[in-house]
Amino acid sequence: MSRHDEERHRDILNAIKAIKRYMERGDLSDGLVYDAVRMRLVEIGEAVKDIEESTLATEQEIPWQSIAGMRDRLTHHYFDTSHEIIRATVQDEIPLLDASVKRIIATRQN
């Protein structure tokens, strides 16, 4: 894994930590929380787009292309974004992504 990939993995983990903090302050019905979470999801998608394919291939259960695609949708079609999609992503997908990125980092450090 390149240093560049390591930085992107850290970017993802930092964005996940921020999302968790935002969700502790309120739920997605709060416009500020919703907007903050959306922005961090955009950051995660942008980071994923910059990681080498060979690195992503080590965690095949993660839908990397869908993560990058969500970034595009959130960035370019923000008025069409469903609160339920964001809610499901935060509740169901973020924990899996968090664990996956941590595994990648741990594997590369050994």
N, C-alpha and C. Protein backbone atom coordinates (compact mmCIF):
# COMPACT_ATOMS: atom_id res chain seq x y z
N MET A 1 0.85 -1.17 0.00
CA MET A 1 0.00 0.00 0.00
C MET A 1 0.89 1.23 0.00
N SER A 2 0.59 2.14 -0.84
CA SER A 2 1.39 3.36 -0.94
C SER A 2 1.07 4.31 0.20
N ARG A 3 1.98 5.26 0.44
CA ARG A 3 1.73 6.29 1.45
C ARG A 3 0.44 7.04 1.11
N HIS A 4 0.24 7.24 -0.15
CA HIS A 4 -0.98 7.92 -0.61
C HIS A 4 -2.22 7.15 -0.14
N ASP A 5 -2.22 5.83 -0.30
CA ASP A 5 -3.35 5.02 0.15
C ASP A 5 -3.52 5.12 1.66
N GLU A 6 -2.42 5.11 2.39
CA GLU A 6 -2.49 5.23 3.84
C GLU A 6 -3.18 6.54 4.24
N GLU A 7 -2.84 7.61 3.56
CA GLU A 7 -3.47 8.90 3.85
C GLU A 7 -4.97 8.85 3.56
N ARG A 8 -5.35 8.22 2.46
CA ARG A 8 -6.77 8.12 2.12
C ARG A 8 -7.52 7.26 3.14
N HIS A 9 -6.88 6.18 3.61
CA HIS A 9 -7.52 5.37 4.64
C HIS A 9 -7.72 6.18 5.92
N ARG A 10 -6.75 6.98 6.27
CA ARG A 10 -6.89 7.85 7.44
C ARG A 10 -8.01 8.87 7.22
N ASP A 11 -8.10 9.40 6.00
CA ASP A 11 -9.19 10.33 5.68
C ASP A 11 -10.55 9.67 5.90
N ILE A 12 -10.67 8.43 5.47
CA ILE A 12 -11.93 7.69 5.63
C ILE A 12 -12.24 7.51 7.11
N LEU A 13 -11.25 7.07 7.88
CA LEU A 13 -11.47 6.86 9.31
C LEU A 13 -11.82 8.15 10.03
N ASN A 14 -11.17 9.24 9.65
CA ASN A 14 -11.50 10.54 10.26
C ASN A 14 -12.92 10.97 9.92
N ALA A 15 -13.34 10.73 8.70
CA ALA A 15 -14.71 11.07 8.30
C ALA A 15 -15.72 10.21 9.06
N ILE A 16 -15.40 8.94 9.25
CA ILE A 16 -16.29 8.06 10.00
C ILE A 16 -16.40 8.53 11.45
N LYS A 17 -15.28 8.89 12.05
CA LYS A 17 -15.31 9.41 13.43
C LYS A 17 -16.18 10.66 13.51
N ALA A 18 -16.05 11.53 12.53
CA ALA A 18 -16.86 12.76 12.52
C ALA A 18 -18.35 12.42 12.40
N ILE A 19 -18.68 11.48 11.54
CA ILE A 19 -20.08 11.08 11.39
C ILE A 19 -20.63 10.57 12.72
N LYS A 20 -19.85 9.76 13.40
CA LYS A 20 -20.29 9.24 14.71
C LYS A 20 -20.52 10.38 15.69
N ARG A 21 -19.65 11.37 15.70
CA ARG A 21 -19.82 12.53 16.60
C ARG A 21 -21.09 13.30 16.25
N TYR A 22 -21.32 13.50 14.96
CA TYR A 22 -22.51 14.24 14.54
C TYR A 22 -23.77 13.51 14.98
N MET A 23 -23.77 12.19 14.84
CA MET A 23 -24.96 11.41 15.18
C MET A 23 -25.20 11.40 16.70
N GLU A 24 -24.16 11.61 17.48
CA GLU A 24 -24.33 11.73 18.93
C GLU A 24 -25.03 13.04 19.30
N ARG A 25 -24.90 14.04 18.45
CA ARG A 25 -25.50 15.36 18.72
C ARG A 25 -26.96 15.42 18.32
N GLY A 26 -27.35 14.56 17.40
CA GLY A 26 -28.73 14.59 16.93
C GLY A 26 -28.92 13.58 15.82
N ASP A 27 -30.14 13.49 15.32
CA ASP A 27 -30.36 12.55 14.23
C ASP A 27 -30.45 13.30 12.89
N LEU A 28 -30.68 12.54 11.86
CA LEU A 28 -30.65 13.11 10.51
C LEU A 28 -31.83 14.02 10.20
N SER A 29 -32.81 14.07 11.10
CA SER A 29 -33.91 15.02 10.89
C SER A 29 -33.45 16.45 11.18
N ASP A 30 -32.34 16.59 11.89
CA ASP A 30 -31.73 17.90 12.13
C ASP A 30 -30.94 18.26 10.86
N GLY A 31 -31.31 19.34 10.24
CA GLY A 31 -30.69 19.74 8.98
C GLY A 31 -29.18 19.90 9.05
N LEU A 32 -28.68 20.43 10.16
CA LEU A 32 -27.22 20.60 10.30
C LEU A 32 -26.51 19.25 10.39
N VAL A 33 -27.08 18.33 11.14
CA VAL A 33 -26.50 16.99 11.24
C VAL A 33 -26.53 16.31 9.88
N TYR A 34 -27.67 16.39 9.21
CA TYR A 34 -27.82 15.78 7.89
C TYR A 34 -26.78 16.32 6.91
N ASP A 35 -26.67 17.64 6.85
CA ASP A 35 -25.70 18.25 5.93
C ASP A 35 -24.27 17.85 6.27
N ALA A 36 -23.94 17.81 7.56
CA ALA A 36 -22.58 17.45 7.98
C ALA A 36 -22.28 16.00 7.61
N VAL A 37 -23.23 15.11 7.84
CA VAL A 37 -23.03 13.70 7.49
C VAL A 37 -22.88 13.54 5.98
N ARG A 38 -23.74 14.21 5.23
CA ARG A 38 -23.64 14.15 3.75
C ARG A 38 -22.25 14.56 3.29
N MET A 39 -21.73 15.64 3.86
CA MET A 39 -20.42 16.12 3.43
C MET A 39 -19.34 15.10 3.74
N ARG A 40 -19.41 14.47 4.90
CA ARG A 40 -18.42 13.45 5.24
C ARG A 40 -18.54 12.22 4.34
N LEU A 41 -19.75 11.89 3.92
CA LEU A 41 -19.91 10.79 2.97
C LEU A 41 -19.29 11.14 1.63
N VAL A 42 -19.38 12.40 1.24
CA VAL A 42 -18.71 12.86 0.02
C VAL A 42 -17.20 12.68 0.17
N GLU A 43 -16.66 13.06 1.32
CA GLU A 43 -15.23 12.91 1.57
C GLU A 43 -14.80 11.45 1.50
N ILE A 44 -15.61 10.57 2.07
CA ILE A 44 -15.29 9.14 2.02
C ILE A 44 -15.25 8.66 0.58
N GLY A 45 -16.24 9.03 -0.19
CA GLY A 45 -16.28 8.63 -1.60
C GLY A 45 -15.10 9.16 -2.39
N GLU A 46 -14.72 10.38 -2.11
CA GLU A 46 -13.56 10.98 -2.79
C GLU A 46 -12.29 10.23 -2.42
N ALA A 47 -12.14 9.88 -1.17
CA ALA A 47 -10.96 9.13 -0.73
C ALA A 47 -10.91 7.76 -1.41
N VAL A 48 -12.05 7.09 -1.47
CA VAL A 48 -12.11 5.76 -2.10
C VAL A 48 -11.67 5.85 -3.56
N LYS A 49 -12.08 6.89 -4.24
CA LYS A 49 -11.70 7.04 -5.65
C LYS A 49 -10.19 7.15 -5.84
N ASP A 50 -9.49 7.56 -4.80
CA ASP A 50 -8.04 7.77 -4.89
C ASP A 50 -7.21 6.58 -4.44
N ILE A 51 -7.85 5.53 -3.94
CA ILE A 51 -7.12 4.36 -3.44
C ILE A 51 -6.89 3.38 -4.60
N GLU A 52 -5.71 2.79 -4.61
CA GLU A 52 -5.36 1.84 -5.68
C GLU A 52 -6.31 0.64 -5.67
N GLU A 53 -6.67 0.20 -6.88
CA GLU A 53 -7.57 -0.94 -7.03
C GLU A 53 -7.05 -2.18 -6.32
N SER A 54 -5.75 -2.39 -6.37
CA SER A 54 -5.18 -3.59 -5.74
C SER A 54 -5.40 -3.57 -4.22
N THR A 55 -5.41 -2.40 -3.64
CA THR A 55 -5.68 -2.29 -2.21
C THR A 55 -7.15 -2.57 -1.93
N LEU A 56 -8.03 -2.00 -2.73
CA LEU A 56 -9.47 -2.21 -2.54
C LEU A 56 -9.84 -3.68 -2.73
N ALA A 57 -9.14 -4.36 -3.60
CA ALA A 57 -9.44 -5.76 -3.89
C ALA A 57 -9.23 -6.67 -2.68
N THR A 58 -8.50 -6.19 -1.68
CA THR A 58 -8.27 -7.02 -0.49
C THR A 58 -9.50 -7.10 0.39
N GLU A 59 -10.46 -6.23 0.19
CA GLU A 59 -11.71 -6.22 0.97
C GLU A 59 -12.88 -6.23 -0.02
N GLN A 60 -13.08 -7.39 -0.62
CA GLN A 60 -14.06 -7.50 -1.70
C GLN A 60 -15.51 -7.39 -1.27
N GLU A 61 -15.79 -7.57 0.03
CA GLU A 61 -17.18 -7.48 0.48
C GLU A 61 -17.66 -6.04 0.58
N ILE A 62 -16.75 -5.10 0.50
CA ILE A 62 -17.13 -3.68 0.55
C ILE A 62 -17.44 -3.21 -0.88
N PRO A 63 -18.58 -2.58 -1.09
CA PRO A 63 -18.96 -2.12 -2.43
C PRO A 63 -18.26 -0.79 -2.79
N TRP A 64 -16.99 -0.87 -3.05
CA TRP A 64 -16.18 0.34 -3.29
C TRP A 64 -16.75 1.22 -4.39
N GLN A 65 -17.19 0.59 -5.48
CA GLN A 65 -17.74 1.39 -6.59
C GLN A 65 -19.02 2.10 -6.17
N SER A 66 -19.81 1.46 -5.35
CA SER A 66 -21.04 2.10 -4.86
C SER A 66 -20.73 3.27 -3.95
N ILE A 67 -19.67 3.15 -3.17
CA ILE A 67 -19.26 4.26 -2.30
C ILE A 67 -18.85 5.46 -3.15
N ALA A 68 -18.06 5.20 -4.17
CA ALA A 68 -17.65 6.28 -5.08
C ALA A 68 -18.88 6.84 -5.82
N GLY A 69 -19.79 5.96 -6.19
CA GLY A 69 -21.01 6.40 -6.87
C GLY A 69 -21.89 7.25 -5.98
N MET A 70 -21.94 6.91 -4.69
CA MET A 70 -22.72 7.72 -3.76
C MET A 70 -22.12 9.11 -3.66
N ARG A 71 -20.82 9.20 -3.66
CA ARG A 71 -20.15 10.51 -3.65
C ARG A 71 -20.62 11.35 -4.83
N ASP A 72 -20.66 10.73 -6.00
CA ASP A 72 -21.08 11.45 -7.20
C ASP A 72 -22.54 11.91 -7.07
N ARG A 73 -23.37 11.03 -6.56
CA ARG A 73 -24.79 11.39 -6.41
C ARG A 73 -24.97 12.50 -5.40
N LEU A 74 -24.29 12.41 -4.27
CA LEU A 74 -24.41 13.44 -3.24
C LEU A 74 -23.87 14.78 -3.72
N THR A 75 -22.86 14.73 -4.55
CA THR A 75 -22.24 15.96 -5.05
C THR A 75 -23.05 16.60 -6.17
N HIS A 76 -23.59 15.79 -7.06
CA HIS A 76 -24.22 16.33 -8.26
C HIS A 76 -25.75 16.30 -8.25
N HIS A 77 -26.33 15.50 -7.36
CA HIS A 77 -27.79 15.38 -7.32
C HIS A 77 -28.29 15.54 -5.89
N TYR A 78 -27.76 16.53 -5.21
CA TYR A 78 -28.05 16.68 -3.79
C TYR A 78 -29.51 16.93 -3.47
N PHE A 79 -30.27 17.47 -4.39
CA PHE A 79 -31.69 17.69 -4.11
C PHE A 79 -32.49 16.40 -4.21
N ASP A 80 -31.90 15.39 -4.82
CA ASP A 80 -32.58 14.11 -5.00
C ASP A 80 -32.15 13.07 -3.98
N THR A 81 -31.42 13.46 -2.96
CA THR A 81 -30.91 12.51 -1.99
C THR A 81 -31.96 12.20 -0.94
N SER A 82 -32.22 10.93 -0.76
CA SER A 82 -33.20 10.48 0.22
C SER A 82 -32.58 10.40 1.61
N HIS A 83 -33.31 10.90 2.60
CA HIS A 83 -32.85 10.77 3.98
C HIS A 83 -32.70 9.30 4.36
N GLU A 84 -33.56 8.45 3.82
CA GLU A 84 -33.51 7.02 4.16
C GLU A 84 -32.23 6.36 3.64
N ILE A 85 -31.76 6.78 2.49
CA ILE A 85 -30.50 6.23 1.97
C ILE A 85 -29.34 6.64 2.88
N ILE A 86 -29.33 7.88 3.28
CA ILE A 86 -28.27 8.36 4.18
C ILE A 86 -28.36 7.63 5.52
N ARG A 87 -29.56 7.50 6.04
CA ARG A 87 -29.76 6.82 7.33
C ARG A 87 -29.28 5.36 7.25
N ALA A 88 -29.66 4.65 6.20
CA ALA A 88 -29.25 3.25 6.04
C ALA A 88 -27.74 3.14 5.87
N THR A 89 -27.15 4.08 5.16
CA THR A 89 -25.69 4.08 4.98
C THR A 89 -24.99 4.25 6.32
N VAL A 90 -25.46 5.20 7.10
CA VAL A 90 -24.83 5.47 8.40
C VAL A 90 -25.01 4.27 9.34
N GLN A 91 -26.19 3.71 9.39
CA GLN A 91 -26.48 2.63 10.33
C GLN A 91 -25.88 1.29 9.90
N ASP A 92 -25.95 0.99 8.61
CA ASP A 92 -25.60 -0.35 8.15
C ASP A 92 -24.23 -0.45 7.48
N GLU A 93 -23.86 0.56 6.73
CA GLU A 93 -22.65 0.45 5.91
C GLU A 93 -21.41 1.05 6.56
N ILE A 94 -21.57 2.14 7.28
CA ILE A 94 -20.41 2.80 7.90
C ILE A 94 -19.67 1.88 8.87
N PRO A 95 -20.37 1.12 9.72
CA PRO A 95 -19.63 0.21 10.61
C PRO A 95 -18.81 -0.84 9.84
N LEU A 96 -19.35 -1.34 8.74
CA LEU A 96 -18.62 -2.32 7.93
C LEU A 96 -17.41 -1.69 7.27
N LEU A 97 -17.58 -0.48 6.76
CA LEU A 97 -16.46 0.23 6.14
C LEU A 97 -15.38 0.53 7.16
N ASP A 98 -15.78 0.96 8.33
CA ASP A 98 -14.83 1.26 9.41
C ASP A 98 -13.97 0.03 9.71
N ALA A 99 -14.61 -1.11 9.91
CA ALA A 99 -13.88 -2.34 10.22
C ALA A 99 -12.98 -2.75 9.06
N SER A 100 -13.46 -2.60 7.85
CA SER A 100 -12.68 -2.97 6.67
C SER A 100 -11.42 -2.13 6.52
N VAL A 101 -11.56 -0.83 6.66
CA VAL A 101 -10.40 0.06 6.52
C VAL A 101 -9.40 -0.22 7.64
N LYS A 102 -9.88 -0.47 8.82
CA LYS A 102 -8.97 -0.80 9.93
C LYS A 102 -8.22 -2.11 9.66
N ARG A 103 -8.90 -3.09 9.05
CA ARG A 103 -8.22 -4.35 8.68
C ARG A 103 -7.14 -4.09 7.63
N ILE A 104 -7.47 -3.27 6.64
CA ILE A 104 -6.48 -2.96 5.61
C ILE A 104 -5.24 -2.34 6.22
N ILE A 105 -5.45 -1.37 7.10
CA ILE A 105 -4.32 -0.68 7.74
C ILE A 105 -3.51 -1.67 8.57
N ALA A 106 -4.19 -2.50 9.35
CA ALA A 106 -3.49 -3.47 10.21
C ALA A 106 -2.70 -4.45 9.38
N THR A 107 -3.27 -4.92 8.29
CA THR A 107 -2.58 -5.87 7.42
C THR A 107 -1.33 -5.26 6.81
N ARG A 108 -1.43 -4.02 6.40
CA ARG A 108 -0.30 -3.34 5.75
C ARG A 108 0.79 -2.98 6.72
N GLN A 109 0.45 -2.83 7.99
CA GLN A 109 1.47 -2.46 8.99
C GLN A 109 2.27 -3.66 9.44
N ASN A 110 1.76 -4.86 9.23
CA ASN A 110 2.47 -6.08 9.68
C ASN A 110 3.50 -6.53 8.68
